[in-house]
Amino acid sequence: MAKKVFTGKVVSDKREKTITVLIEKWKVHPKYKKRLKVRKKYHVHDPKKEAKVGDVVMVRESRPISKTKKWILVKIIKKATET
């Protein structure tokens, strides 16, 4: 069975080896056929603490690491710009 892979934006990196990633998807309403933006936050395992807030990252589904962590950081696609 293939693992799910998503791309999203890091919204929090305050916890040890864990980041929170916001994933946005578009769904079509079954009856009204209107496109809806669906947003969901996932807790992602980041063992090297590489990702920072604002980075665009790729995450992959994995075995459960803790109660809420079931995703692993694959790579950082785009670093956040520092001001």
Protein backbone atom coordinates (compact mmCIF):
# COMPACT_ATOMS: atom_id res chain seq x y z
CA MET A 1 0.00 0.00 0.00
CA ALA A 2 1.41 3.41 -0.97
CA LYS A 3 2.10 5.97 1.71
CA LYS A 4 0.35 9.34 1.45
CA VAL A 5 2.55 12.33 0.64
CA PHE A 6 1.46 15.94 1.17
CA THR A 7 3.00 19.38 0.74
CA GLY A 8 2.24 22.07 3.30
CA LYS A 9 3.47 25.05 5.29
CA VAL A 10 5.04 24.88 8.75
CA VAL A 11 2.98 26.90 11.24
CA SER A 12 4.72 25.89 14.50
CA ASP A 13 8.13 24.52 15.51
CA LYS A 14 8.03 25.07 19.29
CA ARG A 15 8.09 21.42 20.35
CA GLU A 16 11.12 19.16 20.51
CA LYS A 17 11.52 17.19 17.21
CA THR A 18 7.93 18.03 16.18
CA ILE A 19 6.54 20.56 13.75
CA THR A 20 2.94 21.44 12.91
CA VAL A 21 2.19 21.56 9.19
CA LEU A 22 -0.92 23.12 7.62
CA ILE A 23 -2.17 21.20 4.57
CA GLU A 24 -4.67 22.85 2.22
CA LYS A 25 -6.68 20.76 -0.25
CA TRP A 26 -9.57 21.53 -2.60
CA LYS A 27 -12.69 19.34 -2.47
CA VAL A 28 -15.85 19.48 -4.55
CA HIS A 29 -19.18 19.49 -2.72
CA PRO A 30 -21.09 16.35 -3.74
CA LYS A 31 -24.45 18.05 -4.28
CA TYR A 32 -23.69 21.67 -5.17
CA LYS A 33 -20.42 21.04 -7.08
CA LYS A 34 -18.78 24.06 -5.46
CA ARG A 35 -15.04 23.91 -4.76
CA LEU A 36 -14.19 24.18 -1.06
CA LYS A 37 -10.80 24.75 0.52
CA VAL A 38 -10.17 22.20 3.28
CA ARG A 39 -7.43 22.96 5.81
CA LYS A 40 -5.97 20.51 8.31
CA LYS A 41 -3.00 20.58 10.67
CA TYR A 42 -0.74 17.57 11.11
CA HIS A 43 1.95 16.92 13.72
CA VAL A 44 5.10 15.88 11.86
CA HIS A 45 8.27 14.19 13.18
CA ASP A 46 11.37 16.32 12.47
CA PRO A 47 14.30 14.48 14.17
CA LYS A 48 17.03 16.91 13.01
CA LYS A 49 14.98 20.05 13.80
CA GLU A 50 15.58 21.44 10.29
CA ALA A 51 12.22 23.04 9.48
CA LYS A 52 11.27 26.52 10.72
CA VAL A 53 8.00 28.47 10.69
CA GLY A 54 7.07 29.54 7.15
CA ASP A 55 8.95 26.75 5.34
CA VAL A 56 7.14 24.75 2.66
CA VAL A 57 7.76 21.05 3.36
CA MET A 58 6.91 17.61 2.01
CA VAL A 59 5.61 15.07 4.55
CA ARG A 60 4.98 11.33 4.29
CA GLU A 61 2.71 9.01 6.25
CA SER A 62 4.47 6.56 8.61
CA ARG A 63 3.88 4.27 11.53
CA PRO A 64 2.59 5.98 14.71
CA ILE A 65 5.49 7.72 16.46
CA SER A 66 3.39 9.07 19.34
CA LYS A 67 -0.28 9.63 20.13
CA THR A 68 -0.64 12.43 17.57
CA LYS A 69 2.42 12.00 15.28
CA LYS A 70 1.92 9.75 12.28
CA TRP A 71 3.86 11.80 9.69
CA ILE A 72 7.58 12.21 8.91
CA LEU A 73 9.35 15.16 7.29
CA VAL A 74 10.67 14.11 3.85
CA LYS A 75 12.30 17.32 2.65
CA ILE A 76 12.12 21.09 2.81
CA ILE A 77 10.94 22.39 -0.56
CA LYS A 78 11.26 26.13 0.10
CA LYS A 79 12.85 27.95 3.03
CA ALA A 80 11.01 30.88 4.64
CA THR A 81 12.37 34.30 3.80
CA GLU A 82 13.86 36.13 6.75
CA THR A 83 13.14 39.82 7.19
